[in-house]
C-alpha atoms as a PDB file:
ATOM      1  CA  MET A   1     113.493  81.245  78.187  1.00  0.00           C
ATOM      2  CA  LEU A   2     114.318  77.568  77.764  1.00  0.00           C
ATOM      3  CA  ALA A   3     117.278  78.416  75.509  1.00  0.00           C
ATOM      4  CA  LEU A   4     118.692  80.713  78.207  1.00  0.00           C
ATOM      5  CA  LEU A   5     118.362  77.984  80.821  1.00  0.00           C
ATOM      6  CA  VAL A   6     120.097  75.467  78.558  1.00  0.00           C
ATOM      7  CA  ALA A   7     122.890  77.970  77.845  1.00  0.00           C
ATOM      8  CA  GLN A   8     123.355  78.591  81.579  1.00  0.00           C
ATOM      9  CA  ASN A   9     123.530  74.860  82.265  1.00  0.00           C
ATOM     10  CA  ILE A  10     126.088  74.353  79.494  1.00  0.00           C
ATOM     11  CA  ALA A  11     128.172  77.270  80.801  1.00  0.00           C
ATOM     12  CA  PHE A  12     127.980  75.848  84.324  1.00  0.00           C
ATOM     13  CA  TYR A  13     129.223  72.418  83.263  1.00  0.00           C
ATOM     14  CA  VAL A  14     132.002  73.825  81.065  1.00  0.00           C
ATOM     15  CA  ILE A  15     133.257  76.090  83.860  1.00  0.00           C
ATOM     16  CA  ALA A  16     132.935  73.276  86.405  1.00  0.00           C
ATOM     17  CA  ALA A  17     134.943  70.903  84.185  1.00  0.00           C
ATOM     18  CA  ILE A  18     137.671  73.517  83.750  1.00  0.00           C
ATOM     19  CA  MET A  19     137.735  74.073  87.513  1.00  0.00           C
ATOM     20  CA  VAL A  20     138.003  70.356  88.298  1.00  0.00           C
ATOM     21  CA  LEU A  21     140.797  69.811  85.776  1.00  0.00           C
ATOM     22  CA  SER A  22     142.668  72.863  87.081  1.00  0.00           C
ATOM     23  CA  ALA A  23     142.223  71.715  90.686  1.00  0.00           C
ATOM     24  CA  ILE A  24     143.692  68.346  89.775  1.00  0.00           C
ATOM     25  CA  ARG A  25     146.653  70.138  88.178  1.00  0.00           C
ATOM     26  CA  VAL A  26     147.123  72.228  91.341  1.00  0.00           C
ATOM     27  CA  VAL A  27     147.826  69.127  93.396  1.00  0.00           C
ATOM     28  CA  THR A  28     149.655  67.079  90.757  1.00  0.00           C
ATOM     29  CA  THR A  29     152.068  69.571  89.236  1.00  0.00           C
ATOM     30  CA  GLN A  30     155.705  69.403  90.316  1.00  0.00           C
ATOM     31  CA  ASN A  31     156.290  73.154  89.922  1.00  0.00           C
ATOM     32  CA  VAL A  32     155.135  75.339  92.826  1.00  0.00           C
ATOM     33  CA  MET A  33     154.705  78.418  90.652  1.00  0.00           C
ATOM     34  CA  HIS A  34     152.598  76.481  88.144  1.00  0.00           C
ATOM     35  CA  ALA A  35     150.424  75.189  90.995  1.00  0.00           C
ATOM     36  CA  ALA A  36     149.708  78.775  92.065  1.00  0.00           C
ATOM     37  CA  LEU A  37     148.793  79.708  88.501  1.00  0.00           C
ATOM     38  CA  TRP A  38     146.451  76.713  88.180  1.00  0.00           C
ATOM     39  CA  LEU A  39     144.855  77.884  91.428  1.00  0.00           C
ATOM     40  CA  VAL A  40     144.160  81.230  89.736  1.00  0.00           C
ATOM     41  CA  ILE A  41     142.051  79.388  87.152  1.00  0.00           C
ATOM     42  CA  VAL A  42     140.133  77.540  89.869  1.00  0.00           C
ATOM     43  CA  LEU A  43     139.362  80.727  91.794  1.00  0.00           C
ATOM     44  CA  ALA A  44     138.392  82.597  88.626  1.00  0.00           C
ATOM     45  CA  GLY A  45     136.003  79.732  87.864  1.00  0.00           C
ATOM     46  CA  VAL A  46     134.395  80.192  91.277  1.00  0.00           C
ATOM     47  CA  GLY A  47     133.839  83.857  90.424  1.00  0.00           C
ATOM     48  CA  ALA A  48     132.326  82.855  87.083  1.00  0.00           C
ATOM     49  CA  GLN A  49     129.968  80.423  88.830  1.00  0.00           C
ATOM     50  CA  PHE A  50     128.800  83.235  91.114  1.00  0.00           C
ATOM     51  CA  ILE A  51     128.089  85.347  88.020  1.00  0.00           C
ATOM     52  CA  LEU A  52     125.925  82.509  86.670  1.00  0.00           C
ATOM     53  CA  LEU A  53     124.048  82.482  89.975  1.00  0.00           C
ATOM     54  CA  ALA A  54     123.378  86.230  89.619  1.00  0.00           C
ATOM     55  CA  ALA A  55     125.441  86.951  92.744  1.00  0.00           C
ATOM     56  CA  GLU A  56     127.522  89.758  91.275  1.00  0.00           C
ATOM     57  CA  PHE A  57     128.598  91.192  94.633  1.00  0.00           C
ATOM     58  CA  VAL A  58     129.981  87.850  95.792  1.00  0.00           C
ATOM     59  CA  ALA A  59     131.670  87.324  92.403  1.00  0.00           C
ATOM     60  CA  ILE A  60     133.437  90.679  92.533  1.00  0.00           C
ATOM     61  CA  THR A  61     134.427  90.045  96.144  1.00  0.00           C
ATOM     62  CA  GLN A  62     135.794  86.639  95.108  1.00  0.00           C
ATOM     63  CA  VAL A  63     137.883  88.218  92.368  1.00  0.00           C
ATOM     64  CA  LEU A  64     139.140  91.099  94.515  1.00  0.00           C
ATOM     65  CA  VAL A  65     139.934  89.104  97.641  1.00  0.00           C
ATOM     66  CA  TYR A  66     141.143  85.781  96.285  1.00  0.00           C
ATOM     67  CA  LEU A  67     142.554  86.660  92.877  1.00  0.00           C
ATOM     68  CA  GLY A  68     143.680  90.135  93.884  1.00  0.00           C
ATOM     69  CA  ALA A  69     145.046  89.497  97.354  1.00  0.00           C
ATOM     70  CA  ILE A  70     145.409  85.846  98.323  1.00  0.00           C
ATOM     71  CA  ILE A  71     147.090  84.697  95.114  1.00  0.00           C
ATOM     72  CA  VAL A  72     149.438  87.684  95.241  1.00  0.00           C
ATOM     73  CA  LEU A  73     150.234  86.743  98.840  1.00  0.00           C
ATOM     74  CA  PHE A  74     150.930  83.141  97.767  1.00  0.00           C
ATOM     75  CA  LEU A  75     153.179  84.292  94.933  1.00  0.00           C
ATOM     76  CA  PHE A  76     155.076  86.673  97.223  1.00  0.00           C
ATOM     77  CA  GLY A  77     155.469  83.873  99.738  1.00  0.00           C
ATOM     78  CA  ILE A  78     156.825  81.548  97.059  1.00  0.00           C
ATOM     79  CA  MET A  79     159.222  84.136  95.671  1.00  0.00           C
ATOM     80  CA  LEU A  80     160.369  85.685  98.945  1.00  0.00           C
ATOM     81  CA  THR A  81     161.112  82.448 100.773  1.00  0.00           C
ATOM     82  CA  ARG A  82     163.526  81.484  98.013  1.00  0.00           C
ATOM     83  CA  THR A  83     162.023  78.050  97.515  1.00  0.00           C
ATOM     84  CA  GLN A  84     162.912  76.129  94.434  1.00  0.00           C
ATOM     85  CA  ALA A  85     160.532  77.358  91.733  1.00  0.00           C
ATOM     86  CA  GLY A  86     161.376  74.599  89.288  1.00  0.00           C
ATOM     87  CA  ASP A  87     160.744  70.887  89.498  1.00  0.00           C
ATOM     88  CA  ALA A  88     160.752  69.552  93.033  1.00  0.00           C
ATOM     89  CA  ARG A  89     161.106  65.841  92.380  1.00  0.00           C
ATOM     90  CA  ASP A  90     162.777  65.272  95.752  1.00  0.00           C
ATOM     91  CA  ALA A  91     159.565  66.434  97.458  1.00  0.00           C
ATOM     92  CA  ASP A  92     157.621  63.596  95.838  1.00  0.00           C
ATOM     93  CA  HIS A  93     156.234  61.289  98.515  1.00  0.00           C
ATOM     94  CA  ARG A  94     156.153  57.526  98.783  1.00  0.00           C
ATOM     95  CA  GLY A  95     153.193  55.504  97.593  1.00  0.00           C
ATOM     96  CA  SER A  96     151.868  54.943 101.128  1.00  0.00           C
ATOM     97  CA  VAL A  97     151.565  58.696 101.698  1.00  0.00           C
ATOM     98  CA  LYS A  98     149.736  59.098  98.395  1.00  0.00           C
ATOM     99  CA  ILE A  99     147.329  56.289  99.295  1.00  0.00           C
ATOM    100  CA  GLY A 100     146.671  57.897 102.675  1.00  0.00           C
ATOM    101  CA  ALA A 101     146.011  61.233 100.995  1.00  0.00           C
ATOM    102  CA  LEU A 102     143.632  59.529  98.559  1.00  0.00           C
ATOM    103  CA  VAL A 103     141.718  57.890 101.430  1.00  0.00           C
ATOM    104  CA  VAL A 104     141.428  61.184 103.338  1.00  0.00           C
ATOM    105  CA  GLY A 105     140.353  62.993 100.153  1.00  0.00           C
ATOM    106  CA  ALA A 106     137.697  60.376  99.418  1.00  0.00           C
ATOM    107  CA  ALA A 107     136.423  60.587 103.005  1.00  0.00           C
ATOM    108  CA  LEU A 108     136.173  64.378 102.788  1.00  0.00           C
ATOM    109  CA  LEU A 109     134.379  64.121  99.437  1.00  0.00           C
ATOM    110  CA  GLY A 110     131.887  61.694 100.971  1.00  0.00           C
ATOM    111  CA  LEU A 111     131.336  63.959 103.981  1.00  0.00           C
ATOM    112  CA  LEU A 112     130.851  67.019 101.782  1.00  0.00           C
ATOM    113  CA  SER A 113     128.467  65.156  99.475  1.00  0.00           C
ATOM    114  CA  PHE A 114     126.422  63.871 102.408  1.00  0.00           C
ATOM    115  CA  SER A 115     126.268  67.353 103.967  1.00  0.00           C
ATOM    116  CA  LEU A 116     125.122  68.964 100.715  1.00  0.00           C
ATOM    117  CA  VAL A 117     122.480  66.320 100.004  1.00  0.00           C
ATOM    118  CA  ASP A 118     121.217  66.413 103.595  1.00  0.00           C
ATOM    119  CA  GLY A 119     121.169  70.210 103.737  1.00  0.00           C
ATOM    120  CA  PHE A 120     119.408  70.807 100.426  1.00  0.00           C
ATOM    121  CA  ARG A 121     117.134  67.751 100.241  1.00  0.00           C
ATOM    122  CA  GLY A 122     113.683  68.686  99.012  1.00  0.00           C
ATOM    123  CA  SER A 123     114.522  72.274  98.086  1.00  0.00           C
ATOM    124  CA  GLU A 124     114.514  73.723  94.623  1.00  0.00           C
ATOM    125  CA  PHE A 125     116.985  76.280  93.350  1.00  0.00           C
ATOM    126  CA  GLY A 126     114.286  78.944  93.187  1.00  0.00           C
ATOM    127  CA  ASP A 127     113.399  78.401  96.861  1.00  0.00           C
ATOM    128  CA  MET A 128     116.739  79.734  98.095  1.00  0.00           C
ATOM    129  CA  VAL A 129     116.802  83.050  99.923  1.00  0.00           C
ATOM    130  CA  VAL A 130     118.332  85.860  97.876  1.00  0.00           C
ATOM    131  CA  GLN A 131     120.065  88.564  99.873  1.00  0.00           C
ATOM    132  CA  THR A 132     120.712  92.063  98.644  1.00  0.00           C
ATOM    133  CA  THR A 133     124.127  93.678  98.870  1.00  0.00           C
ATOM    134  CA  SER A 134     123.048  95.760 101.851  1.00  0.00           C
ATOM    135  CA  GLU A 135     121.867  92.631 103.704  1.00  0.00           C
ATOM    136  CA  VAL A 136     125.202  90.922 103.024  1.00  0.00           C
ATOM    137  CA  SER A 137     127.172  93.949 104.234  1.00  0.00           C
ATOM    138  CA  ASP A 138     124.989  94.258 107.324  1.00  0.00           C
ATOM    139  CA  SER A 139     125.632  90.613 108.229  1.00  0.00           C
ATOM    140  CA  ILE A 140     129.390  90.938 107.610  1.00  0.00           C
ATOM    141  CA  PHE A 141     129.735  94.008 109.790  1.00  0.00           C
ATOM    142  CA  SER A 142     127.342  92.929 112.551  1.00  0.00           C
ATOM    143  CA  THR A 143     126.866  89.164 112.911  1.00  0.00           C
ATOM    144  CA  TYR A 144     130.204  88.102 111.416  1.00  0.00           C
ATOM    145  CA  LEU A 145     132.351  91.059 112.494  1.00  0.00           C
ATOM    146  CA  VAL A 146     134.664  89.062 114.779  1.00  0.00           C
ATOM    147  CA  PRO A 147     135.513  86.327 112.198  1.00  0.00           C
ATOM    148  CA  PHE A 148     135.999  89.051 109.572  1.00  0.00           C
ATOM    149  CA  GLU A 149     138.497  90.895 111.767  1.00  0.00           C
ATOM    150  CA  VAL A 150     140.256  87.670 112.823  1.00  0.00           C
ATOM    151  CA  LEU A 151     140.771  86.827 109.160  1.00  0.00           C
ATOM    152  CA  SER A 152     142.188  90.318 108.556  1.00  0.00           C
ATOM    153  CA  VAL A 153     144.686  89.883 111.399  1.00  0.00           C
ATOM    154  CA  LEU A 154     145.622  86.409 110.137  1.00  0.00           C
ATOM    155  CA  LEU A 155     146.361  87.745 106.649  1.00  0.00           C
ATOM    156  CA  LEU A 156     148.396  90.598 108.124  1.00  0.00           C
ATOM    157  CA  ALA A 157     150.407  88.125 110.221  1.00  0.00           C
ATOM    158  CA  ALA A 158     151.068  85.983 107.142  1.00  0.00           C
ATOM    159  CA  LEU A 159     152.298  89.007 105.217  1.00  0.00           C
ATOM    160  CA  ILE A 160     154.568  90.105 108.069  1.00  0.00           C
ATOM    161  CA  GLY A 161     155.883  86.538 108.365  1.00  0.00           C
ATOM    162  CA  ALA A 162     156.734  86.437 104.659  1.00  0.00           C
ATOM    163  CA  ILE A 163     158.583  89.748 104.972  1.00  0.00           C
ATOM    164  CA  VAL A 164     160.526  88.517 108.033  1.00  0.00           C
ATOM    165  CA  LEU A 165     161.514  85.319 106.215  1.00  0.00           C
ATOM    166  CA  ALA A 166     162.599  87.265 103.157  1.00  0.00           C
ATOM    167  CA  ARG A 167     164.666  89.787 105.135  1.00  0.00           C
ATOM    168  CA  ARG A 168     166.560  87.110 107.039  1.00  0.00           C
ATOM    169  CA  ASP A 169     169.761  87.697 104.989  1.00  0.00           C
END
């Protein structure tokens, strides 16, 4: 039992390190297409973390929705808008913009860290409520029906917008 726990912890840290390095590459790469492909690794890592948490339904949903739909939508948007797919050195910002982005990123990291520590203080991992697939589907299609449908309409509008931009010739 202890060996399994150690293996899970090692897998968690390896996947987390890969995700962090890939996320850094998403925001530092000069090539838009490469950034989208690095994002694929980050989102696949999120699915792998859900597998480690024994949340198979959420992991499969992550893979289907984000890797199967959102990334494809991003790639279509990149290709159909005829943006430069190569190096975009002219889009590189001045140092003051980078410093501002670093300050905002650090502030958001601090806020997220505080929220997580405050929200989970004093609770153990085993104390968390585990929901079955039917409970998750019931909450999606009852409590969270309006946000679910708003997100569907938003994605449809983004797809239609990409088609309109591509057909502008």
